[in-house]
Amino acid sequence: MAVGILLGAFLPGVSETIDSIQFKGVNIPIAIGLIVMMYPPLAKVDYRTLPEVLKNKKLLSLSLILNWIVGPLFMFFLAAYFLGDRPELMTGVVLIGLARCIAMVLVWNDLAEGDRSYGAALVALNSLFQVFTFSFYAYFFLSILPTWLGMDGIAINVPFIMVATNVGLYLGLPFLLGIGGRALLIRIKSLTWYTNSFLPRIAPLTLISLLFTIVVMFSLQGARILDQTSDVILVSIPLILYFFGMWILSYFTGVKLGVDKPKNRAVAFTAAGNNFELAIAVAIGVFGLHSSEAFVGVIGPLIEVPVLLLLVKLSRRLA
């Protein structure tokens, strides 16, 4: 954030050059950064672990309800309550709530000593769901649900085809590269080589690409950040409540259902985390690189990381 603001303030020519590298409205550097960001976590997912999730119907139902019903609705109402008078910020927050976690949850789960194989299986399931449902969810929560609730003032006309195109580009393409590349490389080399050599080599790409995206976006919006720091605080309130609320609800529901602790942690962190990479990509693709929606997408991980680290600590204390 600091580097991006300084670039925008003192070297405006750099951000202007980056902003000018476009093809049919798509900013090429940002597109490359986002696709590269998504590839490593999707390459890590072993979809053969899905039967592990499907065996336990009670736990599967809990995870699906939390991720695809409770989570999106909870984030929507938090965003509407705190940001109802700022539809552009609300839209960005809702997009974060719709993008279920498929990357960082593996980190949180490992740090909390959750069930690693079950966590990977949940990531695989969420990846499949997002590829096929995110566009419908975005259209429903941003265009349809507000009108049903009499909140026409915050409803926006979401271009469904544009959202689907961006999901296909920024999630579908890395998804295909991840699952196809995994199968091909394991066949050519070996599973041991893929797990112990290839994945560790590409893992840093996610962080590097995320930092690149943040620097570029903050360089383009540096003036606004300096003038409107209150927007960051406004956005952080529903996000903090969401992360804490979803984790606590998931964890203690699992305890009540008698779920063993390692699996319960995996479900809780999957429910609480979000796929901010996809939220950023769709916000940029649909609303533009300079938009408030894209700005909110970048704020997401900067709030999520410290909050989820606190929840990791809480999880270990509850052991």
C-alpha atoms as a PDB file:
ATOM      1  CA  MET A   1       0.000   0.000   0.000  1.00  0.00           C
ATOM      2  CA  ALA A   2       2.736   2.459   1.020  1.00  0.00           C
ATOM      3  CA  VAL A   3       4.857   1.730  -2.066  1.00  0.00           C
ATOM      4  CA  GLY A   4       1.832   2.095  -4.335  1.00  0.00           C
ATOM      5  CA  ILE A   5       0.827   5.432  -2.821  1.00  0.00           C
ATOM      6  CA  LEU A   6       4.390   6.770  -3.106  1.00  0.00           C
ATOM      7  CA  LEU A   7       4.603   5.667  -6.749  1.00  0.00           C
ATOM      8  CA  GLY A   8       1.327   7.379  -7.565  1.00  0.00           C
ATOM      9  CA  ALA A   9       2.332  10.552  -5.758  1.00  0.00           C
ATOM     10  CA  PHE A  10       5.934  10.971  -6.899  1.00  0.00           C
ATOM     11  CA  LEU A  11       6.189   8.908 -10.095  1.00  0.00           C
ATOM     12  CA  PRO A  12       2.782   9.264 -11.756  1.00  0.00           C
ATOM     13  CA  GLY A  13       4.274   8.303 -15.103  1.00  0.00           C
ATOM     14  CA  VAL A  14       4.789   4.718 -13.895  1.00  0.00           C
ATOM     15  CA  SER A  15       1.127   4.137 -13.022  1.00  0.00           C
ATOM     16  CA  GLU A  16      -0.013   5.952 -16.164  1.00  0.00           C
ATOM     17  CA  THR A  17       2.130   3.622 -18.285  1.00  0.00           C
ATOM     18  CA  ILE A  18       0.727   0.531 -16.569  1.00  0.00           C
ATOM     19  CA  ASP A  19      -2.804   1.860 -16.957  1.00  0.00           C
ATOM     20  CA  SER A  20      -2.268   2.356 -20.700  1.00  0.00           C
ATOM     21  CA  ILE A  21      -1.288  -1.289 -21.400  1.00  0.00           C
ATOM     22  CA  GLN A  22      -4.748  -2.583 -22.248  1.00  0.00           C
ATOM     23  CA  PHE A  23      -6.452  -4.851 -24.757  1.00  0.00           C
ATOM     24  CA  LYS A  24     -10.223  -4.503 -25.265  1.00  0.00           C
ATOM     25  CA  GLY A  25     -10.592  -2.934 -21.822  1.00  0.00           C
ATOM     26  CA  VAL A  26      -8.491  -5.587 -20.050  1.00  0.00           C
ATOM     27  CA  ASN A  27      -5.372  -4.280 -18.330  1.00  0.00           C
ATOM     28  CA  ILE A  28      -2.707  -6.787 -19.391  1.00  0.00           C
ATOM     29  CA  PRO A  29      -0.269  -6.476 -16.432  1.00  0.00           C
ATOM     30  CA  ILE A  30      -3.112  -6.813 -13.920  1.00  0.00           C
ATOM     31  CA  ALA A  31      -4.654  -9.740 -15.824  1.00  0.00           C
ATOM     32  CA  ILE A  32      -1.336 -11.599 -15.852  1.00  0.00           C
ATOM     33  CA  GLY A  33      -0.806 -10.840 -12.178  1.00  0.00           C
ATOM     34  CA  LEU A  34      -4.257 -12.125 -11.189  1.00  0.00           C
ATOM     35  CA  ILE A  35      -4.059 -15.306 -13.276  1.00  0.00           C
ATOM     36  CA  VAL A  36      -0.589 -16.113 -11.949  1.00  0.00           C
ATOM     37  CA  MET A  37      -1.877 -15.376  -8.424  1.00  0.00           C
ATOM     38  CA  MET A  38      -4.658 -17.950  -8.795  1.00  0.00           C
ATOM     39  CA  TYR A  39      -2.618 -20.755 -10.368  1.00  0.00           C
ATOM     40  CA  PRO A  40      -0.497 -22.045  -7.420  1.00  0.00           C
ATOM     41  CA  PRO A  41      -3.391 -22.653  -4.984  1.00  0.00           C
ATOM     42  CA  LEU A  42      -5.413 -24.385  -7.701  1.00  0.00           C
ATOM     43  CA  ALA A  43      -2.400 -26.476  -8.752  1.00  0.00           C
ATOM     44  CA  LYS A  44      -2.069 -27.589  -5.139  1.00  0.00           C
ATOM     45  CA  VAL A  45      -5.595 -29.011  -4.917  1.00  0.00           C
ATOM     46  CA  ASP A  46      -5.918 -32.780  -5.301  1.00  0.00           C
ATOM     47  CA  TYR A  47      -9.452 -33.413  -6.549  1.00  0.00           C
ATOM     48  CA  ARG A  48      -9.119 -37.105  -5.735  1.00  0.00           C
ATOM     49  CA  THR A  49      -9.702 -36.118  -2.098  1.00  0.00           C
ATOM     50  CA  LEU A  50     -13.348 -35.206  -2.813  1.00  0.00           C
ATOM     51  CA  PRO A  51     -14.698 -38.649  -1.780  1.00  0.00           C
ATOM     52  CA  GLU A  52     -13.321 -37.912   1.717  1.00  0.00           C
ATOM     53  CA  VAL A  53     -15.737 -34.955   1.986  1.00  0.00           C
ATOM     54  CA  LEU A  54     -18.667 -36.799   0.466  1.00  0.00           C
ATOM     55  CA  LYS A  55     -18.453 -39.683   2.961  1.00  0.00           C
ATOM     56  CA  ASN A  56     -19.512 -37.620   5.980  1.00  0.00           C
ATOM     57  CA  LYS A  57     -22.948 -36.264   5.028  1.00  0.00           C
ATOM     58  CA  LYS A  58     -23.423 -34.316   8.266  1.00  0.00           C
ATOM     59  CA  LEU A  59     -20.124 -32.466   7.956  1.00  0.00           C
ATOM     60  CA  LEU A  60     -20.586 -31.959   4.206  1.00  0.00           C
ATOM     61  CA  SER A  61     -24.011 -30.408   4.815  1.00  0.00           C
ATOM     62  CA  LEU A  62     -22.579 -28.112   7.475  1.00  0.00           C
ATOM     63  CA  SER A  63     -19.801 -26.901   5.176  1.00  0.00           C
ATOM     64  CA  LEU A  64     -22.107 -26.366   2.182  1.00  0.00           C
ATOM     65  CA  ILE A  65     -24.712 -24.470   4.233  1.00  0.00           C
ATOM     66  CA  LEU A  66     -22.075 -22.243   5.836  1.00  0.00           C
ATOM     67  CA  ASN A  67     -20.189 -21.539   2.607  1.00  0.00           C
ATOM     68  CA  TRP A  68     -22.985 -21.164   0.101  1.00  0.00           C
ATOM     69  CA  ILE A  69     -25.976 -19.943   2.117  1.00  0.00           C
ATOM     70  CA  VAL A  70     -24.990 -18.459   5.491  1.00  0.00           C
ATOM     71  CA  GLY A  71     -21.716 -16.807   4.411  1.00  0.00           C
ATOM     72  CA  PRO A  72     -23.017 -14.899   1.377  1.00  0.00           C
ATOM     73  CA  LEU A  73     -26.203 -13.831   3.214  1.00  0.00           C
ATOM     74  CA  PHE A  74     -24.298 -12.752   6.322  1.00  0.00           C
ATOM     75  CA  MET A  75     -21.872 -10.644   4.288  1.00  0.00           C
ATOM     76  CA  PHE A  76     -24.724  -9.146   2.248  1.00  0.00           C
ATOM     77  CA  PHE A  77     -26.632  -7.959   5.328  1.00  0.00           C
ATOM     78  CA  LEU A  78     -23.484  -6.658   7.029  1.00  0.00           C
ATOM     79  CA  ALA A  79     -22.587  -4.734   3.871  1.00  0.00           C
ATOM     80  CA  ALA A  80     -26.145  -3.402   3.508  1.00  0.00           C
ATOM     81  CA  TYR A  81     -26.262  -2.279   7.135  1.00  0.00           C
ATOM     82  CA  PHE A  82     -22.893  -0.539   7.261  1.00  0.00           C
ATOM     83  CA  LEU A  83     -22.528   0.552   3.636  1.00  0.00           C
ATOM     84  CA  GLY A  84     -26.090   0.908   2.381  1.00  0.00           C
ATOM     85  CA  ASP A  85     -25.476   4.567   1.569  1.00  0.00           C
ATOM     86  CA  ARG A  86     -22.308   3.683  -0.368  1.00  0.00           C
ATOM     87  CA  PRO A  87     -23.471   1.131  -2.983  1.00  0.00           C
ATOM     88  CA  GLU A  88     -20.068   0.955  -4.687  1.00  0.00           C
ATOM     89  CA  LEU A  89     -18.324  -0.036  -1.427  1.00  0.00           C
ATOM     90  CA  MET A  90     -21.163  -2.390  -0.552  1.00  0.00           C
ATOM     91  CA  THR A  91     -20.825  -4.133  -3.914  1.00  0.00           C
ATOM     92  CA  GLY A  92     -17.114  -4.736  -3.342  1.00  0.00           C
ATOM     93  CA  VAL A  93     -17.767  -6.205   0.114  1.00  0.00           C
ATOM     94  CA  VAL A  94     -20.556  -8.464  -1.194  1.00  0.00           C
ATOM     95  CA  LEU A  95     -18.239  -9.787  -3.917  1.00  0.00           C
ATOM     96  CA  ILE A  96     -15.729 -10.777  -1.226  1.00  0.00           C
ATOM     97  CA  GLY A  97     -18.486 -12.645   0.624  1.00  0.00           C
ATOM     98  CA  LEU A  98     -19.475 -14.557  -2.508  1.00  0.00           C
ATOM     99  CA  ALA A  99     -15.917 -15.723  -3.258  1.00  0.00           C
ATOM    100  CA  ARG A 100     -15.366 -18.713  -1.000  1.00  0.00           C
ATOM    101  CA  CYS A 101     -11.851 -19.448   0.228  1.00  0.00           C
ATOM    102  CA  ILE A 102      -9.730 -21.833  -1.867  1.00  0.00           C
ATOM    103  CA  ALA A 103      -6.158 -20.714  -1.214  1.00  0.00           C
ATOM    104  CA  MET A 104      -5.228 -19.179   2.141  1.00  0.00           C
ATOM    105  CA  VAL A 105      -7.493 -21.625   3.994  1.00  0.00           C
ATOM    106  CA  LEU A 106      -4.778 -24.234   3.499  1.00  0.00           C
ATOM    107  CA  VAL A 107      -2.356 -21.970   5.368  1.00  0.00           C
ATOM    108  CA  TRP A 108      -4.780 -21.175   8.212  1.00  0.00           C
ATOM    109  CA  ASN A 109      -5.723 -24.834   8.527  1.00  0.00           C
ATOM    110  CA  ASP A 110      -2.096 -25.946   8.760  1.00  0.00           C
ATOM    111  CA  LEU A 111      -1.240 -23.264  11.326  1.00  0.00           C
ATOM    112  CA  ALA A 112      -4.250 -24.284  13.432  1.00  0.00           C
ATOM    113  CA  GLU A 113      -3.320 -27.992  13.122  1.00  0.00           C
ATOM    114  CA  GLY A 114      -6.556 -28.821  11.347  1.00  0.00           C
ATOM    115  CA  ASP A 115      -7.160 -31.938   9.274  1.00  0.00           C
ATOM    116  CA  ARG A 116      -4.970 -31.309   6.221  1.00  0.00           C
ATOM    117  CA  SER A 117      -6.546 -33.862   3.879  1.00  0.00           C
ATOM    118  CA  TYR A 118     -10.076 -32.782   4.784  1.00  0.00           C
ATOM    119  CA  GLY A 119      -9.165 -29.128   4.338  1.00  0.00           C
ATOM    120  CA  ALA A 120      -7.757 -29.900   0.885  1.00  0.00           C
ATOM    121  CA  ALA A 121     -10.939 -31.767  -0.004  1.00  0.00           C
ATOM    122  CA  LEU A 122     -13.102 -28.785   1.014  1.00  0.00           C
ATOM    123  CA  VAL A 123     -10.915 -26.531  -1.118  1.00  0.00           C
ATOM    124  CA  ALA A 124     -11.445 -28.866  -4.078  1.00  0.00           C
ATOM    125  CA  LEU A 125     -15.212 -28.762  -3.556  1.00  0.00           C
ATOM    126  CA  ASN A 126     -15.310 -24.972  -3.248  1.00  0.00           C
ATOM    127  CA  SER A 127     -13.172 -24.596  -6.375  1.00  0.00           C
ATOM    128  CA  LEU A 128     -15.682 -26.598  -8.425  1.00  0.00           C
ATOM    129  CA  PHE A 129     -18.633 -24.705  -6.965  1.00  0.00           C
ATOM    130  CA  GLN A 130     -17.116 -21.307  -7.708  1.00  0.00           C
ATOM    131  CA  VAL A 131     -16.295 -22.046 -11.330  1.00  0.00           C
ATOM    132  CA  PHE A 132     -19.928 -22.898 -12.050  1.00  0.00           C
ATOM    133  CA  THR A 133     -21.918 -20.762  -9.590  1.00  0.00           C
ATOM    134  CA  PHE A 134     -20.099 -17.473  -8.887  1.00  0.00           C
ATOM    135  CA  SER A 135     -21.664 -15.641 -11.838  1.00  0.00           C
ATOM    136  CA  PHE A 136     -25.186 -16.653 -10.769  1.00  0.00           C
ATOM    137  CA  TYR A 137     -24.485 -15.674  -7.164  1.00  0.00           C
ATOM    138  CA  ALA A 138     -23.140 -12.253  -8.167  1.00  0.00           C
ATOM    139  CA  TYR A 139     -26.212 -11.578 -10.301  1.00  0.00           C
ATOM    140  CA  PHE A 140     -28.617 -12.753  -7.582  1.00  0.00           C
ATOM    141  CA  PHE A 141     -27.047 -10.919  -4.623  1.00  0.00           C
ATOM    142  CA  LEU A 142     -26.381  -7.640  -6.426  1.00  0.00           C
ATOM    143  CA  SER A 143     -29.360  -7.373  -8.809  1.00  0.00           C
ATOM    144  CA  ILE A 144     -32.199  -9.608  -7.568  1.00  0.00           C
ATOM    145  CA  LEU A 145     -32.035  -9.912  -3.761  1.00  0.00           C
ATOM    146  CA  PRO A 146     -31.973  -6.139  -3.056  1.00  0.00           C
ATOM    147  CA  THR A 147     -35.176  -5.648  -5.061  1.00  0.00           C
ATOM    148  CA  TRP A 148     -36.894  -8.566  -3.271  1.00  0.00           C
ATOM    149  CA  LEU A 149     -36.061  -6.901   0.051  1.00  0.00           C
ATOM    150  CA  GLY A 150     -37.292  -3.494  -1.084  1.00  0.00           C
ATOM    151  CA  MET A 151     -33.744  -2.128  -1.257  1.00  0.00           C
ATOM    152  CA  ASP A 152     -33.958  -0.876  -4.836  1.00  0.00           C
ATOM    153  CA  GLY A 153     -31.605   1.992  -4.060  1.00  0.00           C
ATOM    154  CA  ILE A 154     -28.635  -0.368  -3.638  1.00  0.00           C
ATOM    155  CA  ALA A 155     -29.498  -2.813  -6.428  1.00  0.00           C
ATOM    156  CA  ILE A 156     -27.194  -2.639  -9.439  1.00  0.00           C
ATOM    157  CA  ASN A 157     -27.586  -4.039 -12.911  1.00  0.00           C
ATOM    158  CA  VAL A 158     -24.859  -6.689 -12.927  1.00  0.00           C
ATOM    159  CA  PRO A 159     -23.799  -7.638 -16.471  1.00  0.00           C
ATOM    160  CA  PHE A 160     -24.081 -11.416 -16.093  1.00  0.00           C
ATOM    161  CA  ILE A 161     -22.133 -12.231 -19.255  1.00  0.00           C
ATOM    162  CA  MET A 162     -19.304  -9.909 -18.232  1.00  0.00           C
ATOM    163  CA  VAL A 163     -19.081 -11.497 -14.769  1.00  0.00           C
ATOM    164  CA  ALA A 164     -19.113 -14.986 -16.300  1.00  0.00           C
ATOM    165  CA  THR A 165     -16.393 -13.974 -18.757  1.00  0.00           C
ATOM    166  CA  ASN A 166     -14.188 -12.677 -15.970  1.00  0.00           C
ATOM    167  CA  VAL A 167     -14.796 -15.757 -13.818  1.00  0.00           C
ATOM    168  CA  GLY A 168     -13.849 -17.889 -16.816  1.00  0.00           C
ATOM    169  CA  LEU A 169     -10.678 -15.874 -17.405  1.00  0.00           C
ATOM    170  CA  TYR A 170      -9.483 -15.413 -13.830  1.00  0.00           C
ATOM    171  CA  LEU A 171     -10.757 -18.633 -12.217  1.00  0.00           C
ATOM    172  CA  GLY A 172     -11.683 -21.009 -15.052  1.00  0.00           C
ATOM    173  CA  LEU A 173      -8.344 -20.679 -16.851  1.00  0.00           C
ATOM    174  CA  PRO A 174      -6.173 -21.190 -13.722  1.00  0.00           C
ATOM    175  CA  PHE A 175      -8.549 -23.997 -12.699  1.00  0.00           C
ATOM    176  CA  LEU A 176      -7.988 -25.836 -15.985  1.00  0.00           C
ATOM    177  CA  LEU A 177      -4.246 -25.168 -15.856  1.00  0.00           C
ATOM    178  CA  GLY A 178      -4.137 -26.384 -12.275  1.00  0.00           C
ATOM    179  CA  ILE A 179      -6.065 -29.620 -12.702  1.00  0.00           C
ATOM    180  CA  GLY A 180      -4.699 -30.357 -16.197  1.00  0.00           C
ATOM    181  CA  GLY A 181      -1.117 -29.427 -15.355  1.00  0.00           C
ATOM    182  CA  ARG A 182      -1.248 -31.500 -12.189  1.00  0.00           C
ATOM    183  CA  ALA A 183      -2.359 -34.630 -14.033  1.00  0.00           C
ATOM    184  CA  LEU A 184       0.167 -34.107 -16.845  1.00  0.00           C
ATOM    185  CA  LEU A 185       3.182 -33.343 -14.653  1.00  0.00           C
ATOM    186  CA  ILE A 186       2.469 -36.223 -12.262  1.00  0.00           C
ATOM    187  CA  ARG A 187       2.264 -38.574 -15.232  1.00  0.00           C
ATOM    188  CA  ILE A 188       5.488 -37.240 -16.794  1.00  0.00           C
ATOM    189  CA  LYS A 189       7.468 -36.986 -13.544  1.00  0.00           C
ATOM    190  CA  SER A 190       5.932 -38.366 -10.332  1.00  0.00           C
ATOM    191  CA  LEU A 191       3.611 -37.380  -7.486  1.00  0.00           C
ATOM    192  CA  THR A 192       6.615 -37.048  -5.161  1.00  0.00           C
ATOM    193  CA  TRP A 193       8.381 -34.656  -7.548  1.00  0.00           C
ATOM    194  CA  TYR A 194       5.200 -32.642  -8.076  1.00  0.00           C
ATOM    195  CA  THR A 195       4.500 -32.326  -4.333  1.00  0.00           C
ATOM    196  CA  ASN A 196       8.024 -31.851  -3.029  1.00  0.00           C
ATOM    197  CA  SER A 197       9.688 -29.951  -5.892  1.00  0.00           C
ATOM    198  CA  PHE A 198       7.209 -28.289  -8.247  1.00  0.00           C
ATOM    199  CA  LEU A 199       4.638 -26.939  -5.768  1.00  0.00           C
ATOM    200  CA  PRO A 200       7.228 -25.313  -3.449  1.00  0.00           C
ATOM    201  CA  ARG A 201       8.808 -23.597  -6.480  1.00  0.00           C
ATOM    202  CA  ILE A 202       5.564 -22.015  -7.702  1.00  0.00           C
ATOM    203  CA  ALA A 203       4.105 -21.248  -4.247  1.00  0.00           C
ATOM    204  CA  PRO A 204       5.762 -17.787  -3.946  1.00  0.00           C
ATOM    205  CA  LEU A 205       4.066 -16.683  -7.176  1.00  0.00           C
ATOM    206  CA  THR A 206       0.772 -16.110  -5.344  1.00  0.00           C
ATOM    207  CA  LEU A 207       2.257 -13.673  -2.839  1.00  0.00           C
ATOM    208  CA  ILE A 208       4.430 -11.939  -5.454  1.00  0.00           C
ATOM    209  CA  SER A 209       1.467 -11.496  -7.797  1.00  0.00           C
ATOM    210  CA  LEU A 210      -0.804 -10.283  -4.995  1.00  0.00           C
ATOM    211  CA  LEU A 211       1.774  -7.702  -3.894  1.00  0.00           C
ATOM    212  CA  PHE A 212       2.227  -6.577  -7.500  1.00  0.00           C
ATOM    213  CA  THR A 213      -1.544  -6.110  -7.872  1.00  0.00           C
ATOM    214  CA  ILE A 214      -1.788  -4.191  -4.600  1.00  0.00           C
ATOM    215  CA  VAL A 215       1.125  -1.883  -5.526  1.00  0.00           C
ATOM    216  CA  VAL A 216      -0.361  -1.130  -8.958  1.00  0.00           C
ATOM    217  CA  MET A 217      -3.887  -0.553  -7.653  1.00  0.00           C
ATOM    218  CA  PHE A 218      -2.778   1.691  -4.833  1.00  0.00           C
ATOM    219  CA  SER A 219      -0.545   3.663  -7.192  1.00  0.00           C
ATOM    220  CA  LEU A 220      -3.583   4.303  -9.390  1.00  0.00           C
ATOM    221  CA  GLN A 221      -5.769   5.277  -6.429  1.00  0.00           C
ATOM    222  CA  GLY A 222      -3.146   6.995  -4.274  1.00  0.00           C
ATOM    223  CA  ALA A 223      -4.858  10.394  -4.256  1.00  0.00           C
ATOM    224  CA  ARG A 224      -8.155   8.890  -3.140  1.00  0.00           C
ATOM    225  CA  ILE A 225      -6.517   6.856  -0.374  1.00  0.00           C
ATOM    226  CA  LEU A 226      -4.868   9.946   1.069  1.00  0.00           C
ATOM    227  CA  ASP A 227      -8.059  11.984   0.812  1.00  0.00           C
ATOM    228  CA  GLN A 228     -10.555   9.290   1.888  1.00  0.00           C
ATOM    229  CA  THR A 229      -8.911   7.082   4.507  1.00  0.00           C
ATOM    230  CA  SER A 230     -12.330   6.844   6.129  1.00  0.00           C
ATOM    231  CA  ASP A 231     -13.354   4.458   3.325  1.00  0.00           C
ATOM    232  CA  VAL A 232     -10.802   1.911   4.535  1.00  0.00           C
ATOM    233  CA  ILE A 233     -12.258   2.093   8.050  1.00  0.00           C
ATOM    234  CA  LEU A 234     -15.821   1.829   6.731  1.00  0.00           C
ATOM    235  CA  VAL A 235     -15.006  -1.289   4.717  1.00  0.00           C
ATOM    236  CA  SER A 236     -13.034  -2.920   7.538  1.00  0.00           C
ATOM    237  CA  ILE A 237     -16.015  -2.954   9.958  1.00  0.00           C
ATOM    238  CA  PRO A 238     -18.262  -5.450   8.096  1.00  0.00           C
ATOM    239  CA  LEU A 239     -15.218  -7.514   7.076  1.00  0.00           C
ATOM    240  CA  ILE A 240     -13.948  -7.912  10.650  1.00  0.00           C
ATOM    241  CA  LEU A 241     -17.445  -8.811  11.913  1.00  0.00           C
ATOM    242  CA  TYR A 242     -17.831 -11.296   9.067  1.00  0.00           C
ATOM    243  CA  PHE A 243     -14.535 -13.145   9.650  1.00  0.00           C
ATOM    244  CA  PHE A 244     -15.058 -13.446  13.401  1.00  0.00           C
ATOM    245  CA  GLY A 245     -18.770 -14.228  13.090  1.00  0.00           C
ATOM    246  CA  MET A 246     -18.419 -16.969  10.486  1.00  0.00           C
ATOM    247  CA  TRP A 247     -15.561 -18.695  12.302  1.00  0.00           C
ATOM    248  CA  ILE A 248     -17.281 -18.666  15.705  1.00  0.00           C
ATOM    249  CA  LEU A 249     -20.596 -19.859  14.231  1.00  0.00           C
ATOM    250  CA  SER A 250     -18.910 -22.660  12.293  1.00  0.00           C
ATOM    251  CA  TYR A 251     -16.605 -23.806  15.086  1.00  0.00           C
ATOM    252  CA  PHE A 252     -19.199 -23.990  17.841  1.00  0.00           C
ATOM    253  CA  THR A 253     -21.819 -25.534  15.539  1.00  0.00           C
ATOM    254  CA  GLY A 254     -19.256 -28.256  14.795  1.00  0.00           C
ATOM    255  CA  VAL A 255     -18.616 -28.727  18.517  1.00  0.00           C
ATOM    256  CA  LYS A 256     -22.361 -29.121  19.126  1.00  0.00           C
ATOM    257  CA  LEU A 257     -22.575 -31.690  16.311  1.00  0.00           C
ATOM    258  CA  GLY A 258     -19.700 -33.670  17.811  1.00  0.00           C
ATOM    259  CA  VAL A 259     -17.258 -33.123  14.935  1.00  0.00           C
ATOM    260  CA  ASP A 260     -13.683 -34.076  15.815  1.00  0.00           C
ATOM    261  CA  LYS A 261     -11.419 -31.068  16.397  1.00  0.00           C
ATOM    262  CA  PRO A 262      -9.077 -31.333  13.371  1.00  0.00           C
ATOM    263  CA  LYS A 263     -11.969 -31.611  10.902  1.00  0.00           C
ATOM    264  CA  ASN A 264     -13.923 -28.920  12.749  1.00  0.00           C
ATOM    265  CA  ARG A 265     -11.020 -26.490  12.355  1.00  0.00           C
ATOM    266  CA  ALA A 266     -10.826 -27.240   8.631  1.00  0.00           C
ATOM    267  CA  VAL A 267     -14.541 -26.497   8.203  1.00  0.00           C
ATOM    268  CA  ALA A 268     -14.359 -23.333  10.354  1.00  0.00           C
ATOM    269  CA  PHE A 269     -11.463 -21.771   8.455  1.00  0.00           C
ATOM    270  CA  THR A 270     -13.029 -22.695   5.115  1.00  0.00           C
ATOM    271  CA  ALA A 271     -16.239 -20.949   6.192  1.00  0.00           C
ATOM    272  CA  ALA A 272     -14.471 -17.838   7.523  1.00  0.00           C
ATOM    273  CA  GLY A 273     -11.921 -17.228   4.745  1.00  0.00           C
ATOM    274  CA  ASN A 274     -12.575 -15.791   1.310  1.00  0.00           C
ATOM    275  CA  ASN A 275     -11.106 -16.019  -2.164  1.00  0.00           C
ATOM    276  CA  PHE A 276     -10.033 -12.382  -2.367  1.00  0.00           C
ATOM    277  CA  GLU A 277      -8.092 -13.090  -5.570  1.00  0.00           C
ATOM    278  CA  LEU A 278     -11.331 -13.836  -7.423  1.00  0.00           C
ATOM    279  CA  ALA A 279     -13.129 -10.877  -5.816  1.00  0.00           C
ATOM    280  CA  ILE A 280     -10.346  -8.540  -6.964  1.00  0.00           C
ATOM    281  CA  ALA A 281     -10.330 -10.030 -10.471  1.00  0.00           C
ATOM    282  CA  VAL A 282     -14.089  -9.734 -10.993  1.00  0.00           C
ATOM    283  CA  ALA A 283     -14.214  -6.226  -9.497  1.00  0.00           C
ATOM    284  CA  ILE A 284     -11.460  -5.053 -11.861  1.00  0.00           C
ATOM    285  CA  GLY A 285     -12.922  -6.835 -14.879  1.00  0.00           C
ATOM    286  CA  VAL A 286     -16.502  -5.639 -14.380  1.00  0.00           C
ATOM    287  CA  PHE A 287     -16.148  -2.231 -12.708  1.00  0.00           C
ATOM    288  CA  GLY A 288     -12.668  -1.148 -13.785  1.00  0.00           C
ATOM    289  CA  LEU A 289      -9.203  -0.841 -12.322  1.00  0.00           C
ATOM    290  CA  HIS A 290      -9.928   2.579 -10.792  1.00  0.00           C
ATOM    291  CA  SER A 291     -13.269   1.588  -9.269  1.00  0.00           C
ATOM    292  CA  SER A 292     -14.274   1.616  -5.612  1.00  0.00           C
ATOM    293  CA  GLU A 293     -15.271  -2.039  -5.978  1.00  0.00           C
ATOM    294  CA  ALA A 294     -11.701  -2.963  -6.976  1.00  0.00           C
ATOM    295  CA  PHE A 295     -10.365  -0.817  -4.138  1.00  0.00           C
ATOM    296  CA  VAL A 296     -12.475  -2.807  -1.646  1.00  0.00           C
ATOM    297  CA  GLY A 297     -11.170  -6.062  -3.125  1.00  0.00           C
ATOM    298  CA  VAL A 298      -7.619  -5.041  -2.259  1.00  0.00           C
ATOM    299  CA  ILE A 299      -8.617  -3.994   1.264  1.00  0.00           C
ATOM    300  CA  GLY A 300     -10.033  -7.520   1.800  1.00  0.00           C
ATOM    301  CA  PRO A 301      -6.798  -9.486   2.289  1.00  0.00           C
ATOM    302  CA  LEU A 302      -5.236  -6.685   4.314  1.00  0.00           C
ATOM    303  CA  ILE A 303      -8.059  -7.113   6.856  1.00  0.00           C
ATOM    304  CA  GLU A 304      -8.429 -10.896   6.522  1.00  0.00           C
ATOM    305  CA  VAL A 305      -4.809 -11.836   7.213  1.00  0.00           C
ATOM    306  CA  PRO A 306      -4.463 -10.351  10.740  1.00  0.00           C
ATOM    307  CA  VAL A 307      -7.999 -11.408  11.737  1.00  0.00           C
ATOM    308  CA  LEU A 308      -7.517 -15.016  10.604  1.00  0.00           C
ATOM    309  CA  LEU A 309      -4.151 -15.145  12.398  1.00  0.00           C
ATOM    310  CA  LEU A 310      -5.969 -14.175  15.595  1.00  0.00           C
ATOM    311  CA  LEU A 311      -8.499 -16.938  14.924  1.00  0.00           C
ATOM    312  CA  VAL A 312      -5.652 -19.422  14.441  1.00  0.00           C
ATOM    313  CA  LYS A 313      -4.443 -18.462  17.913  1.00  0.00           C
ATOM    314  CA  LEU A 314      -7.957 -18.823  19.309  1.00  0.00           C
ATOM    315  CA  SER A 315      -8.344 -22.226  17.660  1.00  0.00           C
ATOM    316  CA  ARG A 316      -5.144 -23.505  19.254  1.00  0.00           C
ATOM    317  CA  ARG A 317      -6.251 -22.214  22.680  1.00  0.00           C
ATOM    318  CA  LEU A 318      -9.538 -24.104  22.314  1.00  0.00           C
ATOM    319  CA  ALA A 319      -7.668 -27.365  21.637  1.00  0.00           C
END
